[in-house]
Amino acid sequence: MELTKAIVDCMQTLRRRLRDELDINIRLSQSDAINAMLLACLQSSLEETRELGSRLSELSGIHLPPPQLSEEQLIAKYTRYAGPLRG
């Protein structure tokens, strides 16, 4: 994949954010730098960082599958009231 200026700029901004927020140091020269950044963005609790990850995903064309829900999250999702009761 060819890195454009927009991709490199986004990676640099995201790299600084991830280093400050999650203490993750990703080098732009790494062969899997984009994947590593996208995975780290999924761990972030800040919306701005996750948005930068989405932007990098759009620019690079690399899309990661959404994170799998834990057992507790699945139970909460599928046992939640979903509409009026009938009968």
PDB file of N, CA and C in Angstrom:
ATOM      1  N   MET A   1       0.834  -1.165   0.000  1.00  0.00           N
ATOM      2  CA  MET A   1       0.000   0.000   0.000  1.00  0.00           C
ATOM      3  C   MET A   1       0.892   1.246   0.000  1.00  0.00           C
ATOM      4  N   GLU A   2       0.488   2.213  -0.783  1.00  0.00           N
ATOM      5  CA  GLU A   2       1.237   3.458  -0.857  1.00  0.00           C
ATOM      6  C   GLU A   2       0.713   4.434   0.196  1.00  0.00           C
ATOM      7  N   LEU A   3       1.642   5.005   0.943  1.00  0.00           N
ATOM      8  CA  LEU A   3       1.265   5.956   1.986  1.00  0.00           C
ATOM      9  C   LEU A   3       1.205   7.359   1.404  1.00  0.00           C
ATOM     10  N   THR A   4       0.052   7.978   1.515  1.00  0.00           N
ATOM     11  CA  THR A   4      -0.116   9.350   1.049  1.00  0.00           C
ATOM     12  C   THR A   4       0.199  10.305   2.194  1.00  0.00           C
ATOM     13  N   LYS A   5       0.276  11.580   1.879  1.00  0.00           N
ATOM     14  CA  LYS A   5       0.545  12.583   2.911  1.00  0.00           C
ATOM     15  C   LYS A   5      -0.563  12.595   3.953  1.00  0.00           C
ATOM     16  N   ALA A   6      -1.812  12.440   3.521  1.00  0.00           N
ATOM     17  CA  ALA A   6      -2.942  12.439   4.454  1.00  0.00           C
ATOM     18  C   ALA A   6      -2.846  11.263   5.431  1.00  0.00           C
ATOM     19  N   ILE A   7      -2.447  10.099   4.926  1.00  0.00           N
ATOM     20  CA  ILE A   7      -2.302   8.915   5.788  1.00  0.00           C
ATOM     21  C   ILE A   7      -1.176   9.129   6.790  1.00  0.00           C
ATOM     22  N   VAL A   8      -0.039   9.621   6.326  1.00  0.00           N
ATOM     23  CA  VAL A   8       1.114   9.839   7.211  1.00  0.00           C
ATOM     24  C   VAL A   8       0.791  10.883   8.274  1.00  0.00           C
ATOM     25  N   ASP A   9       0.117  11.970   7.881  1.00  0.00           N
ATOM     26  CA  ASP A   9      -0.272  13.000   8.852  1.00  0.00           C
ATOM     27  C   ASP A   9      -1.197  12.427   9.920  1.00  0.00           C
ATOM     28  N   CYS A  10      -2.177  11.641   9.493  1.00  0.00           N
ATOM     29  CA  CYS A  10      -3.111  11.021  10.435  1.00  0.00           C
ATOM     30  C   CYS A  10      -2.366  10.050  11.362  1.00  0.00           C
ATOM     31  N   MET A  11      -1.449   9.273  10.802  1.00  0.00           N
ATOM     32  CA  MET A  11      -0.678   8.318  11.609  1.00  0.00           C
ATOM     33  C   MET A  11       0.166   9.045  12.653  1.00  0.00           C
ATOM     34  N   GLN A  12       0.787  10.161  12.264  1.00  0.00           N
ATOM     35  CA  GLN A  12       1.617  10.903  13.210  1.00  0.00           C
ATOM     36  C   GLN A  12       0.785  11.463  14.357  1.00  0.00           C
ATOM     37  N   THR A  13      -0.373  12.014  14.031  1.00  0.00           N
ATOM     38  CA  THR A  13      -1.257  12.550  15.066  1.00  0.00           C
ATOM     39  C   THR A  13      -1.729  11.439  15.986  1.00  0.00           C
ATOM     40  N   LEU A  14      -2.126  10.336  15.392  1.00  0.00           N
ATOM     41  CA  LEU A  14      -2.618   9.197  16.172  1.00  0.00           C
ATOM     42  C   LEU A  14      -1.511   8.582  17.012  1.00  0.00           C
ATOM     43  N   ARG A  15      -0.312   8.522  16.474  1.00  0.00           N
ATOM     44  CA  ARG A  15       0.819   7.969  17.216  1.00  0.00           C
ATOM     45  C   ARG A  15       1.068   8.749  18.499  1.00  0.00           C
ATOM     46  N   ARG A  16       1.030  10.084  18.402  1.00  0.00           N
ATOM     47  CA  ARG A  16       1.233  10.927  19.596  1.00  0.00           C
ATOM     48  C   ARG A  16       0.127  10.705  20.621  1.00  0.00           C
ATOM     49  N   ARG A  17      -1.122  10.644  20.143  1.00  0.00           N
ATOM     50  CA  ARG A  17      -2.256  10.434  21.052  1.00  0.00           C
ATOM     51  C   ARG A  17      -2.150   9.097  21.776  1.00  0.00           C
ATOM     52  N   LEU A  18      -1.828   8.046  21.025  1.00  0.00           N
ATOM     53  CA  LEU A  18      -1.734   6.713  21.633  1.00  0.00           C
ATOM     54  C   LEU A  18      -0.584   6.641  22.631  1.00  0.00           C
ATOM     55  N   ARG A  19       0.505   7.308  22.323  1.00  0.00           N
ATOM     56  CA  ARG A  19       1.640   7.322  23.247  1.00  0.00           C
ATOM     57  C   ARG A  19       1.266   8.038  24.538  1.00  0.00           C
ATOM     58  N   ASP A  20       0.581   9.166  24.431  1.00  0.00           N
ATOM     59  CA  ASP A  20       0.195   9.936  25.621  1.00  0.00           C
ATOM     60  C   ASP A  20      -0.925   9.254  26.407  1.00  0.00           C
ATOM     61  N   GLU A  21      -1.905   8.731  25.703  1.00  0.00           N
ATOM     62  CA  GLU A  21      -3.089   8.178  26.363  1.00  0.00           C
ATOM     63  C   GLU A  21      -2.881   6.759  26.880  1.00  0.00           C
ATOM     64  N   LEU A  22      -2.364   5.877  26.029  1.00  0.00           N
ATOM     65  CA  LEU A  22      -2.276   4.458  26.382  1.00  0.00           C
ATOM     66  C   LEU A  22      -0.853   3.974  26.630  1.00  0.00           C
ATOM     67  N   ASP A  23       0.116   4.877  26.493  1.00  0.00           N
ATOM     68  CA  ASP A  23       1.524   4.520  26.663  1.00  0.00           C
ATOM     69  C   ASP A  23       1.939   3.406  25.696  1.00  0.00           C
ATOM     70  N   ILE A  24       1.462   3.527  24.455  1.00  0.00           N
ATOM     71  CA  ILE A  24       1.799   2.572  23.400  1.00  0.00           C
ATOM     72  C   ILE A  24       2.682   3.302  22.396  1.00  0.00           C
ATOM     73  N   ASN A  25       3.845   2.743  22.120  1.00  0.00           N
ATOM     74  CA  ASN A  25       4.765   3.367  21.184  1.00  0.00           C
ATOM     75  C   ASN A  25       4.804   2.558  19.896  1.00  0.00           C
ATOM     76  N   ILE A  26       4.238   3.111  18.846  1.00  0.00           N
ATOM     77  CA  ILE A  26       4.200   2.462  17.536  1.00  0.00           C
ATOM     78  C   ILE A  26       5.040   3.292  16.582  1.00  0.00           C
ATOM     79  N   ARG A  27       5.976   2.651  15.924  1.00  0.00           N
ATOM     80  CA  ARG A  27       6.828   3.353  14.955  1.00  0.00           C
ATOM     81  C   ARG A  27       6.172   3.329  13.589  1.00  0.00           C
ATOM     82  N   LEU A  28       6.256   4.438  12.898  1.00  0.00           N
ATOM     83  CA  LEU A  28       5.650   4.518  11.573  1.00  0.00           C
ATOM     84  C   LEU A  28       6.332   3.579  10.583  1.00  0.00           C
ATOM     85  N   SER A  29       7.562   3.188  10.863  1.00  0.00           N
ATOM     86  CA  SER A  29       8.298   2.307   9.963  1.00  0.00           C
ATOM     87  C   SER A  29       7.952   0.828  10.156  1.00  0.00           C
ATOM     88  N   GLN A  30       7.178   0.510  11.193  1.00  0.00           N
ATOM     89  CA  GLN A  30       6.785  -0.881  11.420  1.00  0.00           C
ATOM     90  C   GLN A  30       5.932  -1.361  10.246  1.00  0.00           C
ATOM     91  N   SER A  31       6.078  -2.624   9.888  1.00  0.00           N
ATOM     92  CA  SER A  31       5.296  -3.159   8.766  1.00  0.00           C
ATOM     93  C   SER A  31       3.808  -3.235   9.094  1.00  0.00           C
ATOM     94  N   ASP A  32       3.473  -3.385  10.366  1.00  0.00           N
ATOM     95  CA  ASP A  32       2.067  -3.490  10.770  1.00  0.00           C
ATOM     96  C   ASP A  32       1.601  -2.258  11.552  1.00  0.00           C
ATOM     97  N   ALA A  33       2.191  -1.099  11.278  1.00  0.00           N
ATOM     98  CA  ALA A  33       1.898   0.113  12.047  1.00  0.00           C
ATOM     99  C   ALA A  33       0.421   0.502  11.979  1.00  0.00           C
ATOM    100  N   ILE A  34      -0.173   0.428  10.805  1.00  0.00           N
ATOM    101  CA  ILE A  34      -1.577   0.827  10.670  1.00  0.00           C
ATOM    102  C   ILE A  34      -2.475  -0.123  11.453  1.00  0.00           C
ATOM    103  N   ASN A  35      -2.250  -1.428  11.307  1.00  0.00           N
ATOM    104  CA  ASN A  35      -3.057  -2.396  12.054  1.00  0.00           C
ATOM    105  C   ASN A  35      -2.889  -2.211  13.556  1.00  0.00           C
ATOM    106  N   ALA A  36      -1.662  -1.980  14.003  1.00  0.00           N
ATOM    107  CA  ALA A  36      -1.406  -1.792  15.431  1.00  0.00           C
ATOM    108  C   ALA A  36      -2.115  -0.544  15.947  1.00  0.00           C
ATOM    109  N   MET A  37      -2.106   0.525  15.153  1.00  0.00           N
ATOM    110  CA  MET A  37      -2.786   1.755  15.559  1.00  0.00           C
ATOM    111  C   MET A  37      -4.293   1.558  15.619  1.00  0.00           C
ATOM    112  N   LEU A  38      -4.843   0.859  14.636  1.00  0.00           N
ATOM    113  CA  LEU A  38      -6.284   0.631  14.625  1.00  0.00           C
ATOM    114  C   LEU A  38      -6.715  -0.231  15.811  1.00  0.00           C
ATOM    115  N   LEU A  39      -5.932  -1.243  16.134  1.00  0.00           N
ATOM    116  CA  LEU A  39      -6.241  -2.083  17.297  1.00  0.00           C
ATOM    117  C   LEU A  39      -6.152  -1.278  18.590  1.00  0.00           C
ATOM    118  N   ALA A  40      -5.150  -0.415  18.691  1.00  0.00           N
ATOM    119  CA  ALA A  40      -5.003   0.414  19.889  1.00  0.00           C
ATOM    120  C   ALA A  40      -6.165   1.391  20.022  1.00  0.00           C
ATOM    121  N   CYS A  41      -6.663   1.894  18.905  1.00  0.00           N
ATOM    122  CA  CYS A  41      -7.801   2.827  18.947  1.00  0.00           C
ATOM    123  C   CYS A  41      -9.042   2.153  19.517  1.00  0.00           C
ATOM    124  N   LEU A  42      -9.191   0.858  19.269  1.00  0.00           N
ATOM    125  CA  LEU A  42     -10.337   0.134  19.820  1.00  0.00           C
ATOM    126  C   LEU A  42     -10.283   0.069  21.341  1.00  0.00           C
ATOM    127  N   GLN A  43      -9.088   0.149  21.912  1.00  0.00           N
ATOM    128  CA  GLN A  43      -8.912   0.089  23.364  1.00  0.00           C
ATOM    129  C   GLN A  43      -9.100   1.456  24.019  1.00  0.00           C
ATOM    130  N   SER A  44      -9.100   2.507  23.234  1.00  0.00           N
ATOM    131  CA  SER A  44      -9.154   3.859  23.772  1.00  0.00           C
ATOM    132  C   SER A  44     -10.522   4.183  24.364  1.00  0.00           C
ATOM    133  N   SER A  45     -10.497   4.955  25.427  1.00  0.00           N
ATOM    134  CA  SER A  45     -11.754   5.405  26.033  1.00  0.00           C
ATOM    135  C   SER A  45     -12.143   6.801  25.551  1.00  0.00           C
ATOM    136  N   LEU A  46     -11.269   7.447  24.789  1.00  0.00           N
ATOM    137  CA  LEU A  46     -11.542   8.794  24.279  1.00  0.00           C
ATOM    138  C   LEU A  46     -12.142   8.742  22.876  1.00  0.00           C
ATOM    139  N   GLU A  47     -13.231   9.464  22.691  1.00  0.00           N
ATOM    140  CA  GLU A  47     -13.929   9.495  21.404  1.00  0.00           C
ATOM    141  C   GLU A  47     -13.036  10.068  20.303  1.00  0.00           C
ATOM    142  N   GLU A  48     -12.239  11.090  20.615  1.00  0.00           N
ATOM    143  CA  GLU A  48     -11.369  11.719  19.615  1.00  0.00           C
ATOM    144  C   GLU A  48     -10.361  10.720  19.047  1.00  0.00           C
ATOM    145  N   THR A  49      -9.819   9.877  19.912  1.00  0.00           N
ATOM    146  CA  THR A  49      -8.854   8.873  19.463  1.00  0.00           C
ATOM    147  C   THR A  49      -9.540   7.843  18.580  1.00  0.00           C
ATOM    148  N   ARG A  50     -10.727   7.418  18.963  1.00  0.00           N
ATOM    149  CA  ARG A  50     -11.460   6.438  18.148  1.00  0.00           C
ATOM    150  C   ARG A  50     -11.845   7.046  16.795  1.00  0.00           C
ATOM    151  N   GLU A  51     -12.170   8.330  16.769  1.00  0.00           N
ATOM    152  CA  GLU A  51     -12.486   9.000  15.504  1.00  0.00           C
ATOM    153  C   GLU A  51     -11.256   9.077  14.594  1.00  0.00           C
ATOM    154  N   LEU A  52     -10.100   9.352  15.187  1.00  0.00           N
ATOM    155  CA  LEU A  52      -8.862   9.350  14.392  1.00  0.00           C
ATOM    156  C   LEU A  52      -8.596   7.956  13.825  1.00  0.00           C
ATOM    157  N   GLY A  53      -8.890   6.924  14.607  1.00  0.00           N
ATOM    158  CA  GLY A  53      -8.742   5.552  14.112  1.00  0.00           C
ATOM    159  C   GLY A  53      -9.676   5.281  12.949  1.00  0.00           C
ATOM    160  N   SER A  54     -10.902   5.782  13.034  1.00  0.00           N
ATOM    161  CA  SER A  54     -11.855   5.623  11.929  1.00  0.00           C
ATOM    162  C   SER A  54     -11.364   6.351  10.683  1.00  0.00           C
ATOM    163  N   ARG A  55     -10.816   7.524  10.896  1.00  0.00           N
ATOM    164  CA  ARG A  55     -10.282   8.308   9.762  1.00  0.00           C
ATOM    165  C   ARG A  55      -9.117   7.575   9.098  1.00  0.00           C
ATOM    166  N   LEU A  56      -8.224   7.024   9.917  1.00  0.00           N
ATOM    167  CA  LEU A  56      -7.095   6.262   9.374  1.00  0.00           C
ATOM    168  C   LEU A  56      -7.603   5.034   8.623  1.00  0.00           C
ATOM    169  N   SER A  57      -8.612   4.395   9.146  1.00  0.00           N
ATOM    170  CA  SER A  57      -9.196   3.234   8.485  1.00  0.00           C
ATOM    171  C   SER A  57      -9.760   3.610   7.119  1.00  0.00           C
ATOM    172  N   GLU A  58     -10.459   4.736   7.050  1.00  0.00           N
ATOM    173  CA  GLU A  58     -11.012   5.204   5.777  1.00  0.00           C
ATOM    174  C   GLU A  58      -9.912   5.539   4.776  1.00  0.00           C
ATOM    175  N   LEU A  59      -8.890   6.268   5.245  1.00  0.00           N
ATOM    176  CA  LEU A  59      -7.808   6.693   4.349  1.00  0.00           C
ATOM    177  C   LEU A  59      -7.001   5.512   3.823  1.00  0.00           C
ATOM    178  N   SER A  60      -6.757   4.526   4.684  1.00  0.00           N
ATOM    179  CA  SER A  60      -5.901   3.411   4.307  1.00  0.00           C
ATOM    180  C   SER A  60      -6.661   2.276   3.633  1.00  0.00           C
ATOM    181  N   GLY A  61      -7.982   2.232   3.845  1.00  0.00           N
ATOM    182  CA  GLY A  61      -8.769   1.142   3.271  1.00  0.00           C
ATOM    183  C   GLY A  61      -8.669  -0.143   4.068  1.00  0.00           C
ATOM    184  N   ILE A  62      -8.088  -0.077   5.246  1.00  0.00           N
ATOM    185  CA  ILE A  62      -7.954  -1.248   6.115  1.00  0.00           C
ATOM    186  C   ILE A  62      -9.052  -1.171   7.164  1.00  0.00           C
ATOM    187  N   HIS A  63      -9.876  -2.205   7.206  1.00  0.00           N
ATOM    188  CA  HIS A  63     -10.987  -2.227   8.152  1.00  0.00           C
ATOM    189  C   HIS A  63     -10.860  -3.455   9.045  1.00  0.00           C
ATOM    190  N   LEU A  64     -10.835  -3.219  10.337  1.00  0.00           N
ATOM    191  CA  LEU A  64     -10.761  -4.306  11.297  1.00  0.00           C
ATOM    192  C   LEU A  64     -12.169  -4.703  11.712  1.00  0.00           C
ATOM    193  N   PRO A  65     -12.372  -5.978  12.043  1.00  0.00           N
ATOM    194  CA  PRO A  65     -13.693  -6.379  12.517  1.00  0.00           C
ATOM    195  C   PRO A  65     -13.972  -5.731  13.868  1.00  0.00           C
ATOM    196  N   PRO A  66     -15.237  -5.464  14.176  1.00  0.00           N
ATOM    197  CA  PRO A  66     -15.545  -4.859  15.467  1.00  0.00           C
ATOM    198  C   PRO A  66     -15.156  -5.802  16.603  1.00  0.00           C
ATOM    199  N   PRO A  67     -14.857  -5.253  17.774  1.00  0.00           N
ATOM    200  CA  PRO A  67     -14.453  -6.108  18.883  1.00  0.00           C
ATOM    201  C   PRO A  67     -15.597  -7.013  19.304  1.00  0.00           C
ATOM    202  N   GLN A  68     -15.248  -8.229  19.724  1.00  0.00           N
ATOM    203  CA  GLN A  68     -16.258  -9.167  20.171  1.00  0.00           C
ATOM    204  C   GLN A  68     -16.738  -8.787  21.560  1.00  0.00           C
ATOM    205  N   LEU A  69     -18.020  -8.968  21.782  1.00  0.00           N
ATOM    206  CA  LEU A  69     -18.605  -8.645  23.070  1.00  0.00           C
ATOM    207  C   LEU A  69     -18.313  -9.746  24.080  1.00  0.00           C
ATOM    208  N   SER A  70     -18.150  -9.345  25.325  1.00  0.00           N
ATOM    209  CA  SER A  70     -17.934 -10.327  26.390  1.00  0.00           C
ATOM    210  C   SER A  70     -19.254 -11.014  26.695  1.00  0.00           C
ATOM    211  N   GLU A  71     -19.202 -12.057  27.482  1.00  0.00           N
ATOM    212  CA  GLU A  71     -20.414 -12.804  27.837  1.00  0.00           C
ATOM    213  C   GLU A  71     -21.423 -11.900  28.544  1.00  0.00           C
ATOM    214  N   GLU A  72     -20.936 -11.066  29.467  1.00  0.00           N
ATOM    215  CA  GLU A  72     -21.832 -10.166  30.190  1.00  0.00           C
ATOM    216  C   GLU A  72     -22.495  -9.165  29.246  1.00  0.00           C
ATOM    217  N   GLN A  73     -21.721  -8.655  28.280  1.00  0.00           N
ATOM    218  CA  GLN A  73     -22.261  -7.691  27.331  1.00  0.00           C
ATOM    219  C   GLN A  73     -23.306  -8.336  26.425  1.00  0.00           C
ATOM    220  N   LEU A  74     -23.057  -9.588  26.027  1.00  0.00           N
ATOM    221  CA  LEU A  74     -24.028 -10.296  25.193  1.00  0.00           C
ATOM    222  C   LEU A  74     -25.331 -10.540  25.948  1.00  0.00           C
ATOM    223  N   ILE A  75     -25.232 -10.943  27.208  1.00  0.00           N
ATOM    224  CA  ILE A  75     -26.427 -11.181  28.021  1.00  0.00           C
ATOM    225  C   ILE A  75     -27.217  -9.892  28.168  1.00  0.00           C
ATOM    226  N   ALA A  76     -26.521  -8.795  28.462  1.00  0.00           N
ATOM    227  CA  ALA A  76     -27.203  -7.510  28.614  1.00  0.00           C
ATOM    228  C   ALA A  76     -27.861  -7.078  27.303  1.00  0.00           C
ATOM    229  N   LYS A  77     -27.198  -7.329  26.199  1.00  0.00           N
ATOM    230  CA  LYS A  77     -27.722  -6.913  24.900  1.00  0.00           C
ATOM    231  C   LYS A  77     -28.993  -7.676  24.531  1.00  0.00           C
ATOM    232  N   TYR A  78     -29.004  -8.978  24.782  1.00  0.00           N
ATOM    233  CA  TYR A  78     -30.116  -9.794  24.328  1.00  0.00           C
ATOM    234  C   TYR A  78     -31.203 -10.022  25.372  1.00  0.00           C
ATOM    235  N   THR A  79     -31.039  -9.535  26.582  1.00  0.00           N
ATOM    236  CA  THR A  79     -32.086  -9.660  27.585  1.00  0.00           C
ATOM    237  C   THR A  79     -32.736  -8.315  27.880  1.00  0.00           C
ATOM    238  N   ARG A  80     -32.356  -7.294  27.181  1.00  0.00           N
ATOM    239  CA  ARG A  80     -32.897  -5.955  27.351  1.00  0.00           C
ATOM    240  C   ARG A  80     -34.307  -5.889  26.753  1.00  0.00           C
ATOM    241  N   TYR A  81     -35.182  -5.148  27.396  1.00  0.00           N
ATOM    242  CA  TYR A  81     -36.541  -4.950  26.913  1.00  0.00           C
ATOM    243  C   TYR A  81     -36.509  -4.320  25.526  1.00  0.00           C
ATOM    244  N   ALA A  82     -37.210  -4.913  24.576  1.00  0.00           N
ATOM    245  CA  ALA A  82     -37.113  -4.446  23.207  1.00  0.00           C
ATOM    246  C   ALA A  82     -38.435  -3.932  22.629  1.00  0.00           C
ATOM    247  N   GLY A  83     -39.501  -3.893  23.385  1.00  0.00           N
ATOM    248  CA  GLY A  83     -40.752  -3.396  22.836  1.00  0.00           C
ATOM    249  C   GLY A  83     -41.922  -3.716  23.756  1.00  0.00           C
ATOM    250  N   PRO A  84     -43.139  -3.408  23.304  1.00  0.00           N
ATOM    251  CA  PRO A  84     -44.296  -3.633  24.154  1.00  0.00           C
ATOM    252  C   PRO A  84     -44.561  -5.132  24.352  1.00  0.00           C
ATOM    253  N   LEU A  85     -45.059  -5.439  25.522  1.00  0.00           N
ATOM    254  CA  LEU A  85     -45.438  -6.821  25.826  1.00  0.00           C
ATOM    255  C   LEU A  85     -46.800  -7.111  25.228  1.00  0.00           C
ATOM    256  N   ARG A  86     -46.942  -8.304  24.756  1.00  0.00           N
ATOM    257  CA  ARG A  86     -48.235  -8.679  24.156  1.00  0.00           C
ATOM    258  C   ARG A  86     -48.822  -9.827  24.941  1.00  0.00           C
ATOM    259  N   GLY A  87     -50.124  -9.836  24.992  1.00  0.00           N
ATOM    260  CA  GLY A  87     -50.797 -10.987  25.573  1.00  0.00           C
ATOM    261  C   GLY A  87     -51.409 -10.790  26.875  1.00  0.00           C
TER     262      GLY A  87
END
